[in-house]
Amino acid sequence: ENCKCSTCQTHTRAFLHSIANQETVACHLLTVHNIAFQMNLMRS
C-alpha cells in the first residue's frame, strides 16, 4: 500500500494471483514492483 509503482497503483493481489500461473504479463507486473522495491530501499 505504500508503493507508488504502476503495479501497486493499478492491480490487486487477487488479480495478480489469478494470472500468476498462466499469463506472462504477471511476470512483467511483478518485476516492475520488485525493481521498484529495490530502488525505494536504496533511496531510503
PDB file of all heavy atoms in Angstrom:
ATOM      1  N   GLU A   1       0.811  -1.221   0.000  1.00  0.00           N
ATOM      2  CA  GLU A   1       0.000   0.000   0.000  1.00  0.00           C
ATOM      3  C   GLU A   1       0.844   1.270   0.000  1.00  0.00           C
ATOM      4  O   GLU A   1       0.346   2.344  -0.336  1.00  0.00           O
ATOM      5  CB  GLU A   1      -0.945  -0.017   1.213  1.00  0.00           C
ATOM      6  CG  GLU A   1      -2.034  -1.077   1.071  1.00  0.00           C
ATOM      7  CD  GLU A   1      -2.818  -1.332   2.347  1.00  0.00           C
ATOM      8  OE1 GLU A   1      -2.295  -0.954   3.422  1.00  0.00           O
ATOM      9  OE2 GLU A   1      -3.904  -1.912   2.261  1.00  0.00           O
ATOM     10  N   ASN A   2       2.112   1.169   0.367  1.00  0.00           N
ATOM     11  CA  ASN A   2       2.991   2.345   0.389  1.00  0.00           C
ATOM     12  C   ASN A   2       3.818   2.504  -0.882  1.00  0.00           C
ATOM     13  O   ASN A   2       4.579   3.458  -1.017  1.00  0.00           O
ATOM     14  CB  ASN A   2       3.931   2.269   1.589  1.00  0.00           C
ATOM     15  CG  ASN A   2       3.177   2.296   2.906  1.00  0.00           C
ATOM     16  OD1 ASN A   2       2.261   3.095   3.075  1.00  0.00           O
ATOM     17  ND2 ASN A   2       3.538   1.412   3.830  1.00  0.00           N
ATOM     18  N   CYS A   3       3.678   1.541  -1.817  1.00  0.00           N
ATOM     19  CA  CYS A   3       4.496   1.565  -3.036  1.00  0.00           C
ATOM     20  C   CYS A   3       3.775   2.340  -4.129  1.00  0.00           C
ATOM     21  O   CYS A   3       2.576   2.161  -4.354  1.00  0.00           O
ATOM     22  CB  CYS A   3       4.772   0.130  -3.500  1.00  0.00           C
ATOM     23  SG  CYS A   3       5.783   0.050  -5.000  1.00  0.00           S
ATOM     24  N   LYS A   4       4.534   3.194  -4.839  1.00  0.00           N
ATOM     25  CA  LYS A   4       3.944   4.030  -5.884  1.00  0.00           C
ATOM     26  C   LYS A   4       4.192   3.479  -7.287  1.00  0.00           C
ATOM     27  O   LYS A   4       3.933   4.167  -8.284  1.00  0.00           O
ATOM     28  CB  LYS A   4       4.501   5.454  -5.780  1.00  0.00           C
ATOM     29  CG  LYS A   4       4.061   6.193  -4.515  1.00  0.00           C
ATOM     30  CD  LYS A   4       4.624   7.603  -4.474  1.00  0.00           C
ATOM     31  CE  LYS A   4       4.040   8.399  -3.304  1.00  0.00           C
ATOM     32  NZ  LYS A   4       4.330   7.798  -2.003  1.00  0.00           N
ATOM     33  N   CYS A   5       4.686   2.251  -7.398  1.00  0.00           N
ATOM     34  CA  CYS A   5       4.935   1.688  -8.721  1.00  0.00           C
ATOM     35  C   CYS A   5       3.620   1.447  -9.451  1.00  0.00           C
ATOM     36  O   CYS A   5       2.555   1.360  -8.832  1.00  0.00           O
ATOM     37  CB  CYS A   5       5.749   0.391  -8.632  1.00  0.00           C
ATOM     38  SG  CYS A   5       4.800  -1.091  -8.211  1.00  0.00           S
ATOM     39  N   SER A   6       3.676   1.338 -10.770  1.00  0.00           N
ATOM     40  CA  SER A   6       2.463   1.200 -11.579  1.00  0.00           C
ATOM     41  C   SER A   6       1.688  -0.074 -11.236  1.00  0.00           C
ATOM     42  O   SER A   6       0.456  -0.092 -11.314  1.00  0.00           O
ATOM     43  CB  SER A   6       2.817   1.224 -13.067  1.00  0.00           C
ATOM     44  OG  SER A   6       3.751   0.204 -13.380  1.00  0.00           O
ATOM     45  N   THR A   7       2.393  -1.128 -10.847  1.00  0.00           N
ATOM     46  CA  THR A   7       1.712  -2.375 -10.482  1.00  0.00           C
ATOM     47  C   THR A   7       0.866  -2.173  -9.228  1.00  0.00           C
ATOM     48  O   THR A   7      -0.309  -2.540  -9.195  1.00  0.00           O
ATOM     49  CB  THR A   7       2.732  -3.509 -10.263  1.00  0.00           C
ATOM     50  OG1 THR A   7       3.489  -3.694 -11.464  1.00  0.00           O
ATOM     51  CG2 THR A   7       2.036  -4.815  -9.904  1.00  0.00           C
ATOM     52  N   CYS A   8       1.451  -1.575  -8.217  1.00  0.00           N
ATOM     53  CA  CYS A   8       0.722  -1.366  -6.958  1.00  0.00           C
ATOM     54  C   CYS A   8      -0.388  -0.334  -7.105  1.00  0.00           C
ATOM     55  O   CYS A   8      -1.388  -0.388  -6.386  1.00  0.00           O
ATOM     56  CB  CYS A   8       1.690  -0.957  -5.846  1.00  0.00           C
ATOM     57  SG  CYS A   8       2.761  -2.306  -5.298  1.00  0.00           S
ATOM     58  N   GLN A   9      -0.217   0.598  -8.027  1.00  0.00           N
ATOM     59  CA  GLN A   9      -1.224   1.642  -8.227  1.00  0.00           C
ATOM     60  C   GLN A   9      -2.442   1.146  -9.006  1.00  0.00           C
ATOM     61  O   GLN A   9      -3.520   1.739  -8.914  1.00  0.00           O
ATOM     62  CB  GLN A   9      -0.610   2.838  -8.964  1.00  0.00           C
ATOM     63  CG  GLN A   9       0.442   3.594  -8.169  1.00  0.00           C
ATOM     64  CD  GLN A   9      -0.083   4.197  -6.877  1.00  0.00           C
ATOM     65  OE1 GLN A   9      -1.079   4.918  -6.884  1.00  0.00           O
ATOM     66  NE2 GLN A   9       0.548   3.871  -5.760  1.00  0.00           N
ATOM     67  N   THR A  10      -2.282   0.048  -9.758  1.00  0.00           N
ATOM     68  CA  THR A  10      -3.363  -0.355 -10.666  1.00  0.00           C
ATOM     69  C   THR A  10      -3.870  -1.785 -10.487  1.00  0.00           C
ATOM     70  O   THR A  10      -4.917  -2.125 -11.040  1.00  0.00           O
ATOM     71  CB  THR A  10      -2.919  -0.185 -12.140  1.00  0.00           C
ATOM     72  OG1 THR A  10      -1.679  -0.885 -12.333  1.00  0.00           O
ATOM     73  CG2 THR A  10      -2.715   1.274 -12.486  1.00  0.00           C
ATOM     74  N   HIS A  11      -3.168  -2.619  -9.734  1.00  0.00           N
ATOM     75  CA  HIS A  11      -3.578  -4.028  -9.651  1.00  0.00           C
ATOM     76  C   HIS A  11      -3.607  -4.524  -8.205  1.00  0.00           C
ATOM     77  O   HIS A  11      -2.818  -4.076  -7.367  1.00  0.00           O
ATOM     78  CB  HIS A  11      -2.640  -4.913 -10.473  1.00  0.00           C
ATOM     79  CG  HIS A  11      -2.654  -4.591 -11.933  1.00  0.00           C
ATOM     80  ND1 HIS A  11      -3.759  -4.776 -12.726  1.00  0.00           N
ATOM     81  CD2 HIS A  11      -1.689  -4.084 -12.744  1.00  0.00           C
ATOM     82  CE1 HIS A  11      -3.485  -4.398 -13.965  1.00  0.00           C
ATOM     83  NE2 HIS A  11      -2.231  -3.971 -14.000  1.00  0.00           N
ATOM     84  N   THR A  12      -4.505  -5.463  -7.951  1.00  0.00           N
ATOM     85  CA  THR A  12      -4.632  -6.053  -6.622  1.00  0.00           C
ATOM     86  C   THR A  12      -3.900  -7.384  -6.544  1.00  0.00           C
ATOM     87  O   THR A  12      -3.565  -7.992  -7.571  1.00  0.00           O
ATOM     88  CB  THR A  12      -6.113  -6.308  -6.277  1.00  0.00           C
ATOM     89  OG1 THR A  12      -6.626  -7.298  -7.183  1.00  0.00           O
ATOM     90  CG2 THR A  12      -6.939  -5.035  -6.384  1.00  0.00           C
ATOM     91  N   ARG A  13      -3.679  -7.829  -5.325  1.00  0.00           N
ATOM     92  CA  ARG A  13      -3.085  -9.146  -5.122  1.00  0.00           C
ATOM     93  C   ARG A  13      -3.981 -10.231  -5.731  1.00  0.00           C
ATOM     94  O   ARG A  13      -3.478 -11.216  -6.280  1.00  0.00           O
ATOM     95  CB  ARG A  13      -2.898  -9.401  -3.628  1.00  0.00           C
ATOM     96  CG  ARG A  13      -1.909  -8.453  -2.952  1.00  0.00           C
ATOM     97  CD  ARG A  13      -1.816  -8.735  -1.464  1.00  0.00           C
ATOM     98  NE  ARG A  13      -0.853  -7.851  -0.797  1.00  0.00           N
ATOM     99  CZ  ARG A  13      -0.479  -8.006   0.473  1.00  0.00           C
ATOM    100  NH1 ARG A  13      -0.991  -8.991   1.210  1.00  0.00           N
ATOM    101  NH2 ARG A  13       0.391  -7.172   1.011  1.00  0.00           N
ATOM    102  N   ALA A  14      -5.304 -10.046  -5.622  1.00  0.00           N
ATOM    103  CA  ALA A  14      -6.241 -11.036  -6.163  1.00  0.00           C
ATOM    104  C   ALA A  14      -6.079 -11.162  -7.679  1.00  0.00           C
ATOM    105  O   ALA A  14      -6.055 -12.286  -8.222  1.00  0.00           O
ATOM    106  CB  ALA A  14      -7.675 -10.643  -5.807  1.00  0.00           C
ATOM    107  N   PHE A  15      -5.964 -10.022  -8.376  1.00  0.00           N
ATOM    108  CA  PHE A  15      -5.779 -10.061  -9.824  1.00  0.00           C
ATOM    109  C   PHE A  15      -4.467 -10.752 -10.171  1.00  0.00           C
ATOM    110  O   PHE A  15      -4.423 -11.614 -11.059  1.00  0.00           O
ATOM    111  CB  PHE A  15      -5.796  -8.648 -10.400  1.00  0.00           C
ATOM    112  CG  PHE A  15      -5.388  -8.587 -11.849  1.00  0.00           C
ATOM    113  CD1 PHE A  15      -6.247  -9.042 -12.839  1.00  0.00           C
ATOM    114  CD2 PHE A  15      -4.143  -8.099 -12.216  1.00  0.00           C
ATOM    115  CE1 PHE A  15      -5.862  -9.019 -14.178  1.00  0.00           C
ATOM    116  CE2 PHE A  15      -3.756  -8.062 -13.549  1.00  0.00           C
ATOM    117  CZ  PHE A  15      -4.620  -8.525 -14.533  1.00  0.00           C
ATOM    118  N   LEU A  16      -3.405 -10.377  -9.483  1.00  0.00           N
ATOM    119  CA  LEU A  16      -2.094 -10.973  -9.765  1.00  0.00           C
ATOM    120  C   LEU A  16      -2.111 -12.467  -9.488  1.00  0.00           C
ATOM    121  O   LEU A  16      -1.513 -13.250 -10.232  1.00  0.00           O
ATOM    122  CB  LEU A  16      -1.016 -10.266  -8.937  1.00  0.00           C
ATOM    123  CG  LEU A  16      -0.791  -8.791  -9.307  1.00  0.00           C
ATOM    124  CD1 LEU A  16       0.040  -8.092  -8.246  1.00  0.00           C
ATOM    125  CD2 LEU A  16      -0.126  -8.668 -10.677  1.00  0.00           C
ATOM    126  N   HIS A  17      -2.821 -12.869  -8.444  1.00  0.00           N
ATOM    127  CA  HIS A  17      -2.966 -14.302  -8.152  1.00  0.00           C
ATOM    128  C   HIS A  17      -3.672 -15.008  -9.307  1.00  0.00           C
ATOM    129  O   HIS A  17      -3.285 -16.117  -9.708  1.00  0.00           O
ATOM    130  CB  HIS A  17      -3.755 -14.499  -6.862  1.00  0.00           C
ATOM    131  CG  HIS A  17      -4.217 -15.917  -6.661  1.00  0.00           C
ATOM    132  ND1 HIS A  17      -3.378 -16.906  -6.192  1.00  0.00           N
ATOM    133  CD2 HIS A  17      -5.427 -16.509  -6.896  1.00  0.00           C
ATOM    134  CE1 HIS A  17      -4.050 -18.048  -6.133  1.00  0.00           C
ATOM    135  NE2 HIS A  17      -5.287 -17.835  -6.554  1.00  0.00           N
ATOM    136  N   SER A  18      -4.685 -14.363  -9.854  1.00  0.00           N
ATOM    137  CA  SER A  18      -5.495 -15.009 -10.898  1.00  0.00           C
ATOM    138  C   SER A  18      -4.723 -15.244 -12.189  1.00  0.00           C
ATOM    139  O   SER A  18      -5.069 -16.126 -12.970  1.00  0.00           O
ATOM    140  CB  SER A  18      -6.753 -14.178 -11.182  1.00  0.00           C
ATOM    141  OG  SER A  18      -6.430 -12.999 -11.905  1.00  0.00           O
ATOM    142  N   ILE A  19      -3.682 -14.435 -12.429  1.00  0.00           N
ATOM    143  CA  ILE A  19      -2.911 -14.596 -13.670  1.00  0.00           C
ATOM    144  C   ILE A  19      -1.516 -15.184 -13.438  1.00  0.00           C
ATOM    145  O   ILE A  19      -0.803 -15.492 -14.397  1.00  0.00           O
ATOM    146  CB  ILE A  19      -2.774 -13.250 -14.423  1.00  0.00           C
ATOM    147  CG1 ILE A  19      -1.975 -12.232 -13.592  1.00  0.00           C
ATOM    148  CG2 ILE A  19      -4.141 -12.699 -14.807  1.00  0.00           C
ATOM    149  CD1 ILE A  19      -1.617 -10.962 -14.364  1.00  0.00           C
ATOM    150  N   ALA A  20      -1.134 -15.344 -12.177  1.00  0.00           N
ATOM    151  CA  ALA A  20       0.259 -15.718 -11.859  1.00  0.00           C
ATOM    152  C   ALA A  20       0.670 -17.061 -12.440  1.00  0.00           C
ATOM    153  O   ALA A  20       1.836 -17.272 -12.754  1.00  0.00           O
ATOM    154  CB  ALA A  20       0.475 -15.714 -10.354  1.00  0.00           C
ATOM    155  N   ASN A  21      -0.279 -17.965 -12.602  1.00  0.00           N
ATOM    156  CA  ASN A  21       0.075 -19.309 -13.052  1.00  0.00           C
ATOM    157  C   ASN A  21       0.116 -19.467 -14.566  1.00  0.00           C
ATOM    158  O   ASN A  21       0.721 -20.413 -15.053  1.00  0.00           O
ATOM    159  CB  ASN A  21      -0.897 -20.336 -12.461  1.00  0.00           C
ATOM    160  CG  ASN A  21      -0.628 -20.571 -10.987  1.00  0.00           C
ATOM    161  OD1 ASN A  21       0.499 -20.839 -10.602  1.00  0.00           O
ATOM    162  ND2 ASN A  21      -1.661 -20.440 -10.172  1.00  0.00           N
ATOM    163  N   GLN A  22      -0.537 -18.552 -15.302  1.00  0.00           N
ATOM    164  CA  GLN A  22      -0.616 -18.794 -16.738  1.00  0.00           C
ATOM    165  C   GLN A  22      -0.272 -17.611 -17.644  1.00  0.00           C
ATOM    166  O   GLN A  22      -0.002 -17.807 -18.818  1.00  0.00           O
ATOM    167  CB  GLN A  22      -2.010 -19.319 -17.119  1.00  0.00           C
ATOM    168  CG  GLN A  22      -3.161 -18.362 -16.872  1.00  0.00           C
ATOM    169  CD  GLN A  22      -3.814 -18.556 -15.515  1.00  0.00           C
ATOM    170  OE1 GLN A  22      -3.302 -19.306 -14.699  1.00  0.00           O
ATOM    171  NE2 GLN A  22      -4.914 -17.883 -15.277  1.00  0.00           N
ATOM    172  N   GLU A  23      -0.257 -16.387 -17.135  1.00  0.00           N
ATOM    173  CA  GLU A  23      -0.038 -15.239 -18.010  1.00  0.00           C
ATOM    174  C   GLU A  23       1.365 -14.660 -17.839  1.00  0.00           C
ATOM    175  O   GLU A  23       1.791 -14.372 -16.724  1.00  0.00           O
ATOM    176  CB  GLU A  23      -1.082 -14.142 -17.721  1.00  0.00           C
ATOM    177  CG  GLU A  23      -2.527 -14.562 -17.958  1.00  0.00           C
ATOM    178  CD  GLU A  23      -2.836 -14.743 -19.429  1.00  0.00           C
ATOM    179  OE1 GLU A  23      -2.066 -14.246 -20.278  1.00  0.00           O
ATOM    180  OE2 GLU A  23      -3.866 -15.392 -19.731  1.00  0.00           O
ATOM    181  N   THR A  24       2.065 -14.450 -18.965  1.00  0.00           N
ATOM    182  CA  THR A  24       3.421 -13.893 -18.882  1.00  0.00           C
ATOM    183  C   THR A  24       3.402 -12.454 -18.377  1.00  0.00           C
ATOM    184  O   THR A  24       4.401 -11.978 -17.833  1.00  0.00           O
ATOM    185  CB  THR A  24       4.113 -13.928 -20.255  1.00  0.00           C
ATOM    186  OG1 THR A  24       3.276 -13.283 -21.219  1.00  0.00           O
ATOM    187  CG2 THR A  24       4.373 -15.356 -20.700  1.00  0.00           C
ATOM    188  N   VAL A  25       2.267 -11.756 -18.542  1.00  0.00           N
ATOM    189  CA  VAL A  25       2.196 -10.373 -18.058  1.00  0.00           C
ATOM    190  C   VAL A  25       2.352 -10.323 -16.536  1.00  0.00           C
ATOM    191  O   VAL A  25       2.787  -9.304 -15.984  1.00  0.00           O
ATOM    192  CB  VAL A  25       0.870  -9.698 -18.502  1.00  0.00           C
ATOM    193  CG1 VAL A  25      -0.326 -10.239 -17.736  1.00  0.00           C
ATOM    194  CG2 VAL A  25       0.956  -8.181 -18.354  1.00  0.00           C
ATOM    195  N   ALA A  26       2.020 -11.413 -15.854  1.00  0.00           N
ATOM    196  CA  ALA A  26       2.198 -11.454 -14.395  1.00  0.00           C
ATOM    197  C   ALA A  26       3.666 -11.276 -14.034  1.00  0.00           C
ATOM    198  O   ALA A  26       4.007 -10.547 -13.093  1.00  0.00           O
ATOM    199  CB  ALA A  26       1.661 -12.767 -13.833  1.00  0.00           C
ATOM    200  N   CYS A  27       4.542 -11.918 -14.787  1.00  0.00           N
ATOM    201  CA  CYS A  27       5.995 -11.778 -14.568  1.00  0.00           C
ATOM    202  C   CYS A  27       6.406 -10.317 -14.754  1.00  0.00           C
ATOM    203  O   CYS A  27       7.165  -9.768 -13.954  1.00  0.00           O
ATOM    204  CB  CYS A  27       6.752 -12.673 -15.532  1.00  0.00           C
ATOM    205  SG  CYS A  27       8.491 -12.258 -15.721  1.00  0.00           S
ATOM    206  N   HIS A  28       5.878  -9.690 -15.790  1.00  0.00           N
ATOM    207  CA  HIS A  28       6.191  -8.284 -16.058  1.00  0.00           C
ATOM    208  C   HIS A  28       5.740  -7.396 -14.899  1.00  0.00           C
ATOM    209  O   HIS A  28       6.510  -6.566 -14.402  1.00  0.00           O
ATOM    210  CB  HIS A  28       5.492  -7.851 -17.351  1.00  0.00           C
ATOM    211  CG  HIS A  28       5.376  -6.378 -17.520  1.00  0.00           C
ATOM    212  ND1 HIS A  28       6.434  -5.592 -17.916  1.00  0.00           N
ATOM    213  CD2 HIS A  28       4.347  -5.519 -17.321  1.00  0.00           C
ATOM    214  CE1 HIS A  28       6.052  -4.329 -17.960  1.00  0.00           C
ATOM    215  NE2 HIS A  28       4.785  -4.256 -17.604  1.00  0.00           N
ATOM    216  N   LEU A  29       4.503  -7.573 -14.440  1.00  0.00           N
ATOM    217  CA  LEU A  29       3.957  -6.728 -13.380  1.00  0.00           C
ATOM    218  C   LEU A  29       4.726  -6.913 -12.070  1.00  0.00           C
ATOM    219  O   LEU A  29       4.990  -5.940 -11.352  1.00  0.00           O
ATOM    220  CB  LEU A  29       2.473  -7.037 -13.175  1.00  0.00           C
ATOM    221  CG  LEU A  29       1.558  -6.645 -14.350  1.00  0.00           C
ATOM    222  CD1 LEU A  29       0.159  -7.215 -14.143  1.00  0.00           C
ATOM    223  CD2 LEU A  29       1.507  -5.131 -14.525  1.00  0.00           C
ATOM    224  N   LEU A  30       5.091  -8.137 -11.750  1.00  0.00           N
ATOM    225  CA  LEU A  30       5.831  -8.395 -10.513  1.00  0.00           C
ATOM    226  C   LEU A  30       7.269  -7.889 -10.614  1.00  0.00           C
ATOM    227  O   LEU A  30       7.831  -7.408  -9.627  1.00  0.00           O
ATOM    228  CB  LEU A  30       5.813  -9.887 -10.178  1.00  0.00           C
ATOM    229  CG  LEU A  30       4.460 -10.441  -9.741  1.00  0.00           C
ATOM    230  CD1 LEU A  30       4.543 -11.944  -9.520  1.00  0.00           C
ATOM    231  CD2 LEU A  30       3.974  -9.762  -8.470  1.00  0.00           C
ATOM    232  N   THR A  31       7.850  -7.976 -11.799  1.00  0.00           N
ATOM    233  CA  THR A  31       9.205  -7.459 -11.996  1.00  0.00           C
ATOM    234  C   THR A  31       9.237  -5.950 -11.772  1.00  0.00           C
ATOM    235  O   THR A  31      10.145  -5.420 -11.117  1.00  0.00           O
ATOM    236  CB  THR A  31       9.725  -7.803 -13.401  1.00  0.00           C
ATOM    237  OG1 THR A  31       9.757  -9.230 -13.558  1.00  0.00           O
ATOM    238  CG2 THR A  31      11.130  -7.258 -13.624  1.00  0.00           C
ATOM    239  N   VAL A  32       8.233  -5.245 -12.308  1.00  0.00           N
ATOM    240  CA  VAL A  32       8.146  -3.797 -12.091  1.00  0.00           C
ATOM    241  C   VAL A  32       8.126  -3.488 -10.597  1.00  0.00           C
ATOM    242  O   VAL A  32       8.877  -2.624 -10.114  1.00  0.00           O
ATOM    243  CB  VAL A  32       6.881  -3.211 -12.774  1.00  0.00           C
ATOM    244  CG1 VAL A  32       6.620  -1.777 -12.307  1.00  0.00           C
ATOM    245  CG2 VAL A  32       7.039  -3.247 -14.290  1.00  0.00           C
ATOM    246  N   HIS A  33       7.283  -4.210  -9.860  1.00  0.00           N
ATOM    247  CA  HIS A  33       7.210  -3.938  -8.420  1.00  0.00           C
ATOM    248  C   HIS A  33       8.527  -4.270  -7.718  1.00  0.00           C
ATOM    249  O   HIS A  33       8.994  -3.492  -6.875  1.00  0.00           O
ATOM    250  CB  HIS A  33       6.083  -4.729  -7.747  1.00  0.00           C
ATOM    251  CG  HIS A  33       6.187  -4.682  -6.260  1.00  0.00           C
ATOM    252  ND1 HIS A  33       5.847  -3.562  -5.521  1.00  0.00           N
ATOM    253  CD2 HIS A  33       6.690  -5.580  -5.361  1.00  0.00           C
ATOM    254  CE1 HIS A  33       6.108  -3.780  -4.246  1.00  0.00           C
ATOM    255  NE2 HIS A  33       6.619  -4.992  -4.125  1.00  0.00           N
ATOM    256  N   ASN A  34       9.111  -5.420  -8.028  1.00  0.00           N
ATOM    257  CA  ASN A  34      10.321  -5.842  -7.319  1.00  0.00           C
ATOM    258  C   ASN A  34      11.497  -4.906  -7.572  1.00  0.00           C
ATOM    259  O   ASN A  34      12.286  -4.628  -6.663  1.00  0.00           O
ATOM    260  CB  ASN A  34      10.677  -7.286  -7.681  1.00  0.00           C
ATOM    261  CG  ASN A  34       9.756  -8.293  -7.021  1.00  0.00           C
ATOM    262  OD1 ASN A  34       8.882  -7.928  -6.225  1.00  0.00           O
ATOM    263  ND2 ASN A  34       9.923  -9.562  -7.343  1.00  0.00           N
ATOM    264  N   ILE A  35      11.619  -4.412  -8.821  1.00  0.00           N
ATOM    265  CA  ILE A  35      12.673  -3.429  -9.095  1.00  0.00           C
ATOM    266  C   ILE A  35      12.375  -2.127  -8.353  1.00  0.00           C
ATOM    267  O   ILE A  35      13.267  -1.510  -7.766  1.00  0.00           O
ATOM    268  CB  ILE A  35      12.811  -3.168 -10.606  1.00  0.00           C
ATOM    269  CG1 ILE A  35      13.286  -4.432 -11.336  1.00  0.00           C
ATOM    270  CG2 ILE A  35      13.775  -2.012 -10.873  1.00  0.00           C
ATOM    271  CD1 ILE A  35      14.663  -4.900 -10.969  1.00  0.00           C
ATOM    272  N   ALA A  36      11.099  -1.715  -8.344  1.00  0.00           N
ATOM    273  CA  ALA A  36      10.713  -0.510  -7.596  1.00  0.00           C
ATOM    274  C   ALA A  36      11.037  -0.665  -6.116  1.00  0.00           C
ATOM    275  O   ALA A  36      11.518   0.283  -5.473  1.00  0.00           O
ATOM    276  CB  ALA A  36       9.218  -0.235  -7.780  1.00  0.00           C
ATOM    277  N   PHE A  37      10.800  -1.852  -5.573  1.00  0.00           N
ATOM    278  CA  PHE A  37      11.108  -2.114  -4.161  1.00  0.00           C
ATOM    279  C   PHE A  37      12.599  -1.898  -3.890  1.00  0.00           C
ATOM    280  O   PHE A  37      12.975  -1.225  -2.916  1.00  0.00           O
ATOM    281  CB  PHE A  37      10.710  -3.544  -3.787  1.00  0.00           C
ATOM    282  CG  PHE A  37      11.161  -3.953  -2.414  1.00  0.00           C
ATOM    283  CD1 PHE A  37      10.407  -3.643  -1.299  1.00  0.00           C
ATOM    284  CD2 PHE A  37      12.362  -4.630  -2.226  1.00  0.00           C
ATOM    285  CE1 PHE A  37      10.837  -4.002  -0.023  1.00  0.00           C
ATOM    286  CE2 PHE A  37      12.806  -4.987  -0.959  1.00  0.00           C
ATOM    287  CZ  PHE A  37      12.029  -4.673   0.143  1.00  0.00           C
ATOM    288  N   GLN A  38      13.445  -2.454  -4.752  1.00  0.00           N
ATOM    289  CA  GLN A  38      14.894  -2.314  -4.561  1.00  0.00           C
ATOM    290  C   GLN A  38      15.325  -0.855  -4.675  1.00  0.00           C
ATOM    291  O   GLN A  38      16.145  -0.371  -3.891  1.00  0.00           O
ATOM    292  CB  GLN A  38      15.647  -3.149  -5.611  1.00  0.00           C
ATOM    293  CG  GLN A  38      15.388  -4.652  -5.568  1.00  0.00           C
ATOM    294  CD  GLN A  38      16.004  -5.376  -4.409  1.00  0.00           C
ATOM    295  OE1 GLN A  38      15.320  -5.659  -3.428  1.00  0.00           O
ATOM    296  NE2 GLN A  38      17.273  -5.705  -4.483  1.00  0.00           N
ATOM    297  N   MET A  39      14.773  -0.144  -5.654  1.00  0.00           N
ATOM    298  CA  MET A  39      15.128   1.268  -5.840  1.00  0.00           C
ATOM    299  C   MET A  39      14.683   2.100  -4.632  1.00  0.00           C
ATOM    300  O   MET A  39      15.420   2.972  -4.159  1.00  0.00           O
ATOM    301  CB  MET A  39      14.479   1.823  -7.103  1.00  0.00           C
ATOM    302  CG  MET A  39      14.920   1.175  -8.418  1.00  0.00           C
ATOM    303  SD  MET A  39      16.692   1.272  -8.755  1.00  0.00           S
ATOM    304  CE  MET A  39      17.191  -0.432  -8.465  1.00  0.00           C
ATOM    305  N   ASN A  40      13.488   1.836  -4.123  1.00  0.00           N
ATOM    306  CA  ASN A  40      12.978   2.575  -2.958  1.00  0.00           C
ATOM    307  C   ASN A  40      13.813   2.304  -1.711  1.00  0.00           C
ATOM    308  O   ASN A  40      14.084   3.209  -0.918  1.00  0.00           O
ATOM    309  CB  ASN A  40      11.514   2.206  -2.693  1.00  0.00           C
ATOM    310  CG  ASN A  40      10.581   2.733  -3.766  1.00  0.00           C
ATOM    311  OD1 ASN A  40      10.893   3.704  -4.440  1.00  0.00           O
ATOM    312  ND2 ASN A  40       9.437   2.082  -3.941  1.00  0.00           N
ATOM    313  N   LEU A  41      14.212   1.045  -1.541  1.00  0.00           N
ATOM    314  CA  LEU A  41      15.046   0.689  -0.392  1.00  0.00           C
ATOM    315  C   LEU A  41      16.369   1.441  -0.434  1.00  0.00           C
ATOM    316  O   LEU A  41      16.794   2.035   0.571  1.00  0.00           O
ATOM    317  CB  LEU A  41      15.297  -0.826  -0.372  1.00  0.00           C
ATOM    318  CG  LEU A  41      16.291  -1.325   0.683  1.00  0.00           C
ATOM    319  CD1 LEU A  41      15.788  -1.042   2.099  1.00  0.00           C
ATOM    320  CD2 LEU A  41      16.571  -2.822   0.495  1.00  0.00           C
ATOM    321  N   MET A  42      17.018   1.441  -1.592  1.00  0.00           N
ATOM    322  CA  MET A  42      18.310   2.122  -1.698  1.00  0.00           C
ATOM    323  C   MET A  42      18.159   3.628  -1.522  1.00  0.00           C
ATOM    324  O   MET A  42      19.014   4.277  -0.909  1.00  0.00           O
ATOM    325  CB  MET A  42      18.977   1.805  -3.048  1.00  0.00           C
ATOM    326  CG  MET A  42      19.215   0.323  -3.322  1.00  0.00           C
ATOM    327  SD  MET A  42      19.908  -0.613  -1.935  1.00  0.00           S
ATOM    328  CE  MET A  42      21.534   0.112  -1.798  1.00  0.00           C
ATOM    329  N   ARG A  43      17.072   4.181  -2.033  1.00  0.00           N
ATOM    330  CA  ARG A  43      16.820   5.621  -1.844  1.00  0.00           C
ATOM    331  C   ARG A  43      16.660   5.949  -0.360  1.00  0.00           C
ATOM    332  O   ARG A  43      17.199   6.950   0.129  1.00  0.00           O
ATOM    333  CB  ARG A  43      15.570   6.031  -2.629  1.00  0.00           C
ATOM    334  CG  ARG A  43      15.351   7.551  -2.701  1.00  0.00           C
ATOM    335  CD  ARG A  43      14.108   7.899  -3.510  1.00  0.00           C
ATOM    336  NE  ARG A  43      14.176   7.369  -4.855  1.00  0.00           N
ATOM    337  CZ  ARG A  43      13.411   6.373  -5.320  1.00  0.00           C
ATOM    338  NH1 ARG A  43      12.517   5.805  -4.526  1.00  0.00           N
ATOM    339  NH2 ARG A  43      13.532   5.947  -6.544  1.00  0.00           N
ATOM    340  N   SER A  44      15.943   5.096   0.350  1.00  0.00           N
ATOM    341  CA  SER A  44      15.753   5.304   1.791  1.00  0.00           C
ATOM    342  C   SER A  44      17.067   5.220   2.549  1.00  0.00           C
ATOM    343  O   SER A  44      17.315   5.995   3.479  1.00  0.00           O
ATOM    344  CB  SER A  44      14.763   4.273   2.341  1.00  0.00           C
ATOM    345  OG  SER A  44      13.491   4.425   1.745  1.00  0.00           O
TER     346      SER A  44
END
